[in-house]
Protein backbone atom coordinates (compact mmCIF):
# COMPACT_ATOMS: atom_id res chain seq x y z
CA MET A 1 5.50 4.14 23.84
CA ASN A 2 2.04 4.82 22.48
CA ILE A 3 -0.87 2.38 23.06
CA VAL A 4 -4.44 2.88 21.87
CA LEU A 5 -7.41 0.90 23.23
CA LYS A 6 -11.12 1.06 22.53
CA LEU A 7 -12.92 0.71 25.86
CA SER A 8 -16.58 0.41 26.86
CA SER A 9 -18.31 3.21 28.77
CA ASN A 10 -18.03 1.20 32.02
CA ALA A 11 -14.32 0.57 31.49
CA CYS A 12 -13.72 4.28 30.77
CA GLN A 13 -15.58 5.15 33.98
CA GLN A 14 -13.49 2.68 35.99
CA LEU A 15 -10.28 4.11 34.54
CA SER A 16 -11.36 7.69 35.30
CA GLU A 17 -12.19 6.78 38.91
CA LYS A 18 -8.94 4.88 39.45
CA TYR A 19 -6.76 7.75 38.23
CA LYS A 20 -8.93 10.67 39.37
CA SER A 21 -6.22 11.90 41.76
CA TYR A 22 -3.89 12.32 38.74
CA GLU A 23 -6.43 14.21 36.63
CA GLN A 24 -5.32 17.33 34.77
CA THR A 25 -7.07 19.81 32.48
CA SER A 26 -7.01 19.19 28.74
CA LYS A 27 -7.76 21.82 26.10
CA ASN A 28 -8.86 19.15 23.62
CA PRO A 29 -12.69 19.30 23.46
CA TYR A 30 -12.84 15.60 22.50
CA ILE A 31 -10.99 14.43 25.62
CA ARG A 32 -13.35 13.82 28.53
CA PHE A 33 -10.67 12.67 30.98
CA PHE A 34 -6.94 13.38 31.03
CA ALA A 35 -4.42 12.24 33.63
CA LYS A 36 -0.67 12.34 34.04
CA VAL A 37 0.75 9.37 35.99
CA GLY A 38 4.46 9.95 36.39
CA LYS A 39 5.85 10.17 32.86
CA THR A 40 2.78 8.56 31.31
CA SER A 41 -0.35 10.36 30.08
CA ILE A 42 -3.84 8.87 29.79
CA SER A 43 -6.32 10.46 27.39
CA VAL A 44 -9.92 9.21 27.37
CA TYR A 45 -11.81 10.46 24.32
CA THR A 46 -15.57 10.90 24.02
CA SER A 47 -15.54 8.14 21.37
CA GLY A 48 -14.27 5.61 23.91
CA LYS A 49 -10.76 5.61 22.47
CA VAL A 50 -8.09 5.70 25.19
CA VAL A 51 -4.49 6.67 24.47
CA PHE A 52 -1.71 5.69 26.89
CA GLN A 53 1.53 7.49 26.12
CA GLY A 54 4.82 7.32 28.01
CA SER A 55 7.29 4.99 29.70
CA ASP A 56 4.63 3.08 31.71
CA ALA A 57 2.01 3.04 28.94
CA GLU A 58 2.15 -0.73 28.49
CA LYS A 59 1.94 -1.40 32.26
CA ILE A 60 -1.09 0.86 32.78
CA ALA A 61 -2.84 -0.25 29.58
CA SER A 62 -2.47 -3.90 30.63
CA GLU A 63 -4.85 -3.15 33.53
CA PHE A 64 -7.54 -2.51 30.92
CA GLY A 65 -7.06 -5.44 28.56
CA HIS A 66 -3.91 -4.61 26.63
CA VAL A 67 -1.78 -7.67 25.93
CA ALA A 68 1.90 -6.85 25.47
CA GLN A 69 3.42 -8.01 22.21
CA VAL A 70 6.14 -10.63 22.41
CA VAL A 71 9.20 -9.43 20.50
CA PRO A 72 10.87 -12.31 18.63
CA LYS A 73 14.30 -13.21 19.99
CA LYS A 74 15.59 -14.87 16.84
CA GLN A 75 16.58 -13.41 13.46
CA THR A 76 15.69 -16.59 11.59
CA ASN A 77 12.62 -18.67 10.72
CA LEU A 78 10.94 -15.29 10.55
CA ILE A 79 8.93 -13.30 8.00
CA GLY A 80 9.49 -9.55 7.93
CA THR A 81 7.58 -6.96 5.90
CA ASP A 82 8.06 -3.35 4.86
CA GLU A 83 6.60 -0.94 2.32
CA VAL A 84 7.94 1.86 0.13
CA GLY A 85 6.11 4.50 -1.88
CA ASN A 86 3.43 5.45 0.63
CA GLY A 87 4.99 8.90 1.11
CA SER A 88 5.60 9.62 -2.55
CA TYR A 89 3.05 11.38 -4.75
CA PHE A 90 4.37 9.85 -7.96
CA GLY A 91 4.87 6.11 -8.32
CA GLY A 92 3.09 3.12 -6.89
CA LEU A 93 3.02 1.43 -3.50
CA MET A 94 5.28 -1.56 -2.92
CA VAL A 95 4.94 -4.05 -0.05
CA THR A 96 7.33 -6.98 0.38
CA ALA A 97 7.32 -9.93 2.78
CA SER A 98 10.62 -11.85 3.11
CA PHE A 99 11.59 -15.04 4.91
CA VAL A 100 15.03 -15.47 6.48
CA SER A 101 16.35 -18.85 7.65
CA ASP A 102 19.66 -19.84 9.27
CA ASN A 103 20.99 -20.71 5.82
CA HIS A 104 20.60 -17.09 4.68
CA LEU A 105 22.64 -15.39 7.42
CA LYS A 106 26.07 -15.72 5.79
CA PHE A 107 24.75 -14.53 2.43
CA LEU A 108 23.01 -11.52 3.99
CA LYS A 109 26.18 -10.56 5.87
CA GLU A 110 28.18 -10.74 2.65
CA MET A 111 25.61 -8.54 0.92
CA GLY A 112 25.88 -5.93 3.67
CA VAL A 113 22.13 -5.93 4.24
CA ALA A 114 20.90 -3.10 6.41
CA ASP A 115 17.84 -0.87 6.45
CA SER A 116 17.36 0.45 2.92
CA LYS A 117 17.01 3.96 4.32
CA LYS A 118 20.71 3.82 5.20
CA LEU A 119 21.74 2.63 1.74
CA THR A 120 22.12 4.72 -1.39
CA ASP A 121 19.77 4.00 -4.26
CA GLU A 122 22.80 2.89 -6.27
CA LYS A 123 23.71 0.28 -3.62
CA ILE A 124 20.09 -0.88 -3.40
CA CYS A 125 19.96 -1.43 -7.16
CA GLN A 126 23.15 -3.49 -6.92
CA ILE A 127 22.10 -5.88 -4.16
CA ALA A 128 18.30 -6.09 -4.54
CA PRO A 129 18.37 -8.40 -7.63
CA LYS A 130 20.60 -10.82 -5.69
CA LEU A 131 18.23 -10.74 -2.71
CA ILE A 132 15.27 -11.33 -5.02
CA GLU A 133 17.04 -14.39 -6.42
CA GLU A 134 18.16 -15.89 -3.09
CA ILE A 135 15.58 -14.94 -0.43
CA PRO A 136 12.03 -16.38 -0.42
CA HIS A 137 9.73 -13.40 -0.71
CA VAL A 138 6.49 -12.00 -2.07
CA ALA A 139 6.55 -8.48 -3.50
CA LEU A 140 3.24 -6.75 -4.23
CA VAL A 141 3.35 -3.80 -6.62
CA VAL A 142 0.33 -1.52 -6.77
CA GLU A 143 0.53 0.85 -9.74
CA PRO A 144 -0.89 4.39 -9.22
CA GLU A 145 -3.96 3.69 -11.37
CA LYS A 146 -4.85 0.63 -9.31
CA TYR A 147 -4.01 2.47 -6.08
CA ASN A 148 -6.45 5.27 -6.99
CA GLU A 149 -9.13 2.73 -7.84
CA VAL A 150 -8.74 1.00 -4.46
CA ILE A 151 -8.80 4.31 -2.55
CA ALA A 152 -11.96 5.32 -4.43
CA SER A 153 -13.58 2.02 -3.42
CA GLY A 154 -13.39 2.94 0.28
CA TYR A 155 -9.88 2.10 1.46
CA ASN A 156 -7.70 4.81 3.01
CA ALA A 157 -3.93 5.32 3.14
CA VAL A 158 -3.63 3.04 6.20
CA SER A 159 -6.14 0.31 5.38
CA ILE A 160 -4.64 -0.28 1.93
CA LYS A 161 -1.23 -0.89 3.54
CA VAL A 162 -2.77 -3.26 6.10
CA ALA A 163 -4.40 -5.21 3.27
CA LEU A 164 -1.14 -5.43 1.30
CA HIS A 165 1.05 -6.46 4.25
CA ASN A 166 -1.52 -9.07 5.23
CA GLN A 167 -1.79 -10.48 1.69
CA ALA A 168 2.00 -10.57 1.17
CA ILE A 169 2.44 -12.52 4.42
CA TYR A 170 -0.42 -14.88 3.57
CA LEU A 171 1.02 -15.63 0.12
CA LEU A 172 4.54 -16.14 1.46
CA GLU A 173 3.30 -18.58 4.12
CA LYS A 174 1.62 -20.55 1.35
CA GLN A 175 4.79 -20.44 -0.73
CA LEU A 176 6.90 -21.73 2.17
CA GLY A 177 4.50 -24.56 2.92
CA SER A 178 5.17 -24.26 6.64
CA GLN A 179 4.62 -21.74 9.43
CA PRO A 180 7.45 -19.42 10.42
CA GLU A 181 8.10 -18.94 14.13
CA SER A 182 7.44 -15.21 13.93
CA ILE A 183 6.17 -12.42 11.70
CA VAL A 184 7.36 -8.84 12.15
CA ILE A 185 5.90 -5.78 10.40
CA ASP A 186 7.68 -2.45 10.40
CA ALA A 187 4.92 -0.55 12.23
CA PHE A 188 3.10 2.09 10.19
CA THR A 189 0.01 2.28 12.43
CA THR A 190 -1.12 1.23 15.90
CA GLU A 191 -1.79 -2.40 16.77
CA ALA A 192 -5.47 -1.55 17.35
CA ASN A 193 -5.78 0.05 13.91
CA TYR A 194 -4.06 -2.89 12.24
CA LYS A 195 -6.40 -5.40 13.90
CA LYS A 196 -9.43 -3.31 12.98
CA TYR A 197 -8.57 -3.13 9.30
CA VAL A 198 -7.16 -6.65 8.91
CA SER A 199 -10.38 -8.16 10.31
CA ALA A 200 -12.11 -7.05 7.10
CA GLU A 201 -9.69 -8.96 4.88
CA LYS A 202 -10.54 -12.35 3.37
CA ASN A 203 -7.19 -14.11 3.91
CA HIS A 204 -5.26 -14.31 7.19
CA PRO A 205 -1.81 -15.70 8.04
CA LEU A 206 -1.53 -18.66 10.41
CA THR A 207 1.24 -17.04 12.47
CA ASN A 208 0.71 -14.17 14.92
CA VAL A 209 1.91 -10.79 13.70
CA THR A 210 4.05 -8.35 15.70
CA LEU A 211 4.21 -4.64 14.79
CA LEU A 212 7.46 -2.95 15.79
CA THR A 213 8.75 0.56 15.17
CA LYS A 214 12.11 0.69 13.38
CA ALA A 215 11.90 -3.06 12.84
CA GLU A 216 14.22 -2.75 9.84
CA ASP A 217 17.02 -1.93 12.30
CA GLN A 218 16.28 -5.03 14.37
CA PHE A 219 15.40 -7.82 11.94
CA LEU A 220 17.17 -8.86 8.74
CA ALA A 221 13.94 -10.10 7.15
CA VAL A 222 12.42 -6.61 7.46
CA ALA A 223 15.61 -5.01 6.11
CA VAL A 224 15.51 -7.36 3.10
CA SER A 225 11.87 -6.39 2.47
CA SER A 226 12.76 -2.73 2.79
CA ILE A 227 15.51 -3.06 0.16
CA ILE A 228 13.39 -5.06 -2.30
CA SER A 229 10.46 -2.64 -1.91
CA ARG A 230 12.72 0.36 -2.51
CA TYR A 231 14.18 -1.29 -5.60
CA LYS A 232 10.71 -2.07 -6.97
CA PHE A 233 9.64 1.51 -6.29
CA LEU A 234 12.65 3.00 -8.11
CA GLU A 235 12.04 0.72 -11.08
CA ASN A 236 8.37 1.71 -11.15
CA LEU A 237 9.21 5.43 -10.98
CA LYS A 238 11.71 4.99 -13.84
CA LYS A 239 9.09 3.19 -15.95
CA LEU A 240 6.42 5.83 -15.32
CA SER A 241 8.91 8.62 -16.06
CA LYS A 242 9.63 7.04 -19.45
CA GLU A 243 5.94 6.59 -20.22
CA SER A 244 5.09 10.20 -19.29
CA SER A 245 8.20 11.82 -20.82
CA PHE A 246 8.74 13.59 -17.49
CA THR A 247 11.32 12.92 -14.79
CA LEU A 248 9.04 12.06 -11.89
CA PRO A 249 10.50 12.90 -8.46
CA SER A 250 10.21 10.79 -5.33
CA GLY A 251 8.50 12.33 -2.31
CA ALA A 252 5.64 14.78 -2.01
CA GLY A 253 7.32 18.18 -1.91
CA ASN A 254 7.16 21.33 -4.04
CA LEU A 255 8.96 19.68 -6.94
CA SER A 256 6.16 17.12 -7.21
CA ASP A 257 3.63 19.97 -7.37
CA LYS A 258 5.53 21.68 -10.20
CA VAL A 259 6.04 18.51 -12.25
CA ALA A 260 2.38 17.55 -11.82
CA ALA A 261 1.35 21.03 -12.99
CA GLN A 262 3.50 20.63 -16.12
CA ILE A 263 1.87 17.25 -16.82
CA ILE A 264 -1.60 18.77 -16.42
CA LYS A 265 -0.75 21.56 -18.88
CA SER A 266 0.71 19.25 -21.51
CA GLN A 267 -1.34 16.04 -21.11
CA GLY A 268 -4.41 17.01 -19.11
CA ILE A 269 -5.52 16.28 -15.54
CA ASP A 270 -6.50 12.69 -16.38
CA ALA A 271 -2.87 11.80 -17.08
CA LEU A 272 -2.10 11.99 -13.37
CA ASN A 273 -4.33 9.00 -12.64
CA HIS A 274 -1.72 6.77 -14.31
CA LEU A 275 1.23 8.40 -12.55
CA ALA A 276 0.31 9.64 -9.09
CA LYS A 277 -1.70 9.04 -5.92
CA LEU A 278 -4.53 11.46 -6.52
CA HIS A 279 -5.75 11.81 -2.93
CA PHE A 280 -2.48 13.51 -1.93
CA ALA A 281 -2.69 17.29 -1.44
CA ASN A 282 -0.21 17.66 -4.33
CA THR A 283 -3.06 17.20 -6.83
CA GLN A 284 -4.89 20.33 -5.68
CA LYS A 285 -1.64 22.30 -5.44
CA ALA A 286 -0.69 21.29 -8.99
CA MET A 287 -4.11 22.27 -10.31
CA LYS A 288 -3.70 25.67 -8.70
CA ILE A 289 -0.26 26.12 -10.27
CA ALA A 290 -1.67 25.02 -13.63
CA GLN A 291 -4.53 27.51 -13.07
CA LEU A 292 -7.31 24.95 -13.49
């Protein structure tokens, strides 16, 4: 487990004194105090950020203000969110929030819903339209051009996802007309980071949010959102491929560099703004291949 807290100078001093007998040397110039307590490490950075990592991270962090998240015990009356496209150079970013009630359980079992990462794209394209029809949800699709505009305005790769997850949940709560018991987000950042970025957003859900790693394996609502997001991403990539006359690959590997370079040569560098996330390193690699 990994927990990050932002502590005051006094709190950092108290922590350092309490665990001084466990202190070890760190080669990181930005760490002013490092300790190893059993299987858990404590790193105090010069910025005041403190990272607790290991089996007892939650226990030790709770001594300095960390409040453990309560993991929902039920699969139903729950909103779950997930995103797809954040790791792909081409295509947009899709974030979906889905609500699962007791009435949906039989249907979801019949559909064979599981984490979309375990399903083939063919299977996803078969079941996603049925999920879209039956399950209350909000799917936000950010095309590459809009994505680039938002990034240029000051958002980063994490804060844009926080904003989208937050907005999808907020809109779904309004659509439902009542509060769910729980909200689970498939964790893509730390709880501290999420709270920092979400505080800048205008709208906020009424229900407390829980961030969990591999939540799509634990909650059907997150799995549904994962499938719908993947489907929306594949449809978006297909549309952009048709518009550009190039077969745009998913991911951010060498193939993306080569295809981007071909687009630059035939349509110019500006064409990428409509097709790809420009802040990815692929843009510079493609320009080099295209000899710009």
